[in-house]
Protein backbone atom coordinates (compact mmCIF):
# COMPACT_ATOMS: atom_id res chain seq x y z
CA MET A 1 118.96 -113.99 44.02
CA GLY A 2 119.77 -114.60 40.20
CA LYS A 3 119.43 -118.92 40.59
CA ARG A 4 116.46 -120.09 39.78
CA LEU A 5 114.70 -122.68 41.93
CA LYS A 6 112.81 -125.91 40.33
CA PHE A 7 110.24 -126.51 43.10
CA ILE A 8 110.37 -122.82 44.77
CA ASP A 9 108.89 -119.62 43.31
CA LEU A 10 109.52 -116.67 45.34
CA THR A 11 107.34 -113.99 43.61
CA TYR A 12 105.16 -113.56 45.75
CA LEU A 13 107.32 -113.29 48.73
CA ASN A 14 109.61 -110.87 46.78
CA SER A 15 106.32 -109.13 46.04
CA MET A 16 105.42 -108.90 49.56
CA SER A 17 108.83 -107.92 50.57
CA GLY A 18 109.34 -105.11 48.17
CA GLY A 19 112.22 -107.26 47.11
CA SER A 20 114.03 -107.27 49.70
CA GLU A 21 116.79 -109.66 50.03
CA GLU A 22 117.09 -109.86 53.61
CA ILE A 23 113.39 -110.44 54.25
CA VAL A 24 113.52 -113.29 51.77
CA ILE A 25 116.33 -114.65 53.90
CA GLU A 26 114.49 -114.05 57.21
CA MET A 27 111.32 -116.06 55.59
CA LEU A 28 112.97 -119.08 54.77
CA GLY A 29 114.86 -118.97 57.75
CA ILE A 30 111.51 -119.25 59.41
CA PHE A 31 110.56 -122.09 56.93
CA LEU A 32 113.21 -123.91 57.90
CA GLU A 33 112.86 -123.29 61.47
CA GLN A 34 109.02 -124.76 61.02
CA LEU A 35 109.57 -128.07 59.05
CA PRO A 36 110.78 -130.75 61.80
CA GLU A 37 107.91 -129.38 64.26
CA PHE A 38 105.64 -129.80 60.88
CA ARG A 39 106.93 -133.39 60.30
CA GLU A 40 106.47 -133.76 64.26
CA LYS A 41 103.40 -132.92 64.32
CA PHE A 42 102.03 -134.80 61.13
CA SER A 43 104.06 -138.32 62.22
CA LYS A 44 102.21 -137.75 65.33
CA ALA A 45 98.69 -136.95 64.12
CA LEU A 46 99.54 -139.98 61.91
CA LYS A 47 100.00 -142.31 64.73
CA ILE A 48 97.35 -141.55 66.93
CA ASN A 49 94.66 -141.26 64.14
CA ASP A 50 93.69 -137.65 65.46
CA MET A 51 92.19 -135.91 61.91
CA LYS A 52 91.48 -133.06 63.50
CA MET A 53 95.38 -132.12 64.26
CA LEU A 54 96.24 -133.54 60.95
CA SER A 55 93.82 -130.94 59.10
CA ASP A 56 95.35 -128.42 61.59
CA VAL A 57 98.70 -128.81 60.48
CA ALA A 58 98.05 -129.25 57.26
CA HIS A 59 96.96 -125.97 56.77
CA LYS A 60 99.59 -124.47 59.38
CA ALA A 61 102.13 -126.35 56.70
CA LYS A 62 100.20 -125.22 53.43
CA SER A 63 100.28 -121.41 54.25
CA SER A 64 103.87 -121.58 54.35
CA MET A 65 104.41 -123.25 51.55
CA ALA A 66 102.04 -120.92 49.28
CA ILE A 67 103.94 -118.15 50.76
CA LEU A 68 107.22 -119.87 49.14
CA GLY A 69 105.37 -121.02 46.07
CA ILE A 70 105.79 -124.18 46.26
CA GLU A 71 102.73 -125.27 44.67
CA ASP A 72 102.51 -128.94 44.62
CA VAL A 73 103.25 -129.41 48.09
CA ARG A 74 100.28 -126.60 48.73
CA ALA A 75 98.39 -128.17 46.66
CA ARG A 76 98.38 -131.52 48.57
CA LEU A 77 97.88 -130.16 52.22
CA ALA A 78 95.01 -128.48 50.64
CA HIS A 79 93.79 -131.40 49.17
CA LEU A 80 94.11 -133.20 52.38
CA GLU A 81 92.62 -130.61 55.10
CA LYS A 82 89.74 -129.91 52.57
CA SER A 83 89.21 -134.11 52.65
CA ILE A 84 89.74 -134.24 56.35
CA LYS A 85 86.93 -131.81 56.36
CA GLU A 86 84.85 -133.75 54.20
CA GLY A 87 85.17 -137.17 56.74
CA VAL A 88 87.67 -138.82 54.57
CA ASN A 89 90.25 -140.75 56.32
CA HIS A 90 94.15 -139.86 55.43
CA VAL A 91 95.57 -142.06 58.17
CA GLY A 92 98.78 -143.82 55.59
CA TYR A 93 98.11 -140.46 53.13
CA GLN A 94 101.28 -140.44 51.44
CA PHE A 95 102.50 -137.16 49.46
CA GLY A 96 104.60 -139.12 46.76
CA TYR A 97 108.06 -137.97 47.66
């Protein structure tokens, strides 16, 4: 784990795992398994204009991003979730990637 990652900060995950490389690898695997689900649910929520579903997916994905220290995406998801709860419609919201 000596490589320096540009977008991921594993400090929190390393702390929570007690420095266990096995646990970090397992958590990364779980995250990679979740990505297609997040994408599918985001797409579906936008397609059917379901802001509750969009907020729920943003919340779940936000937690995963936080654990892995993907701060930029976590912050964008938090903003999206908060805006939806405040009644701002984000159909067509772009993450800028």
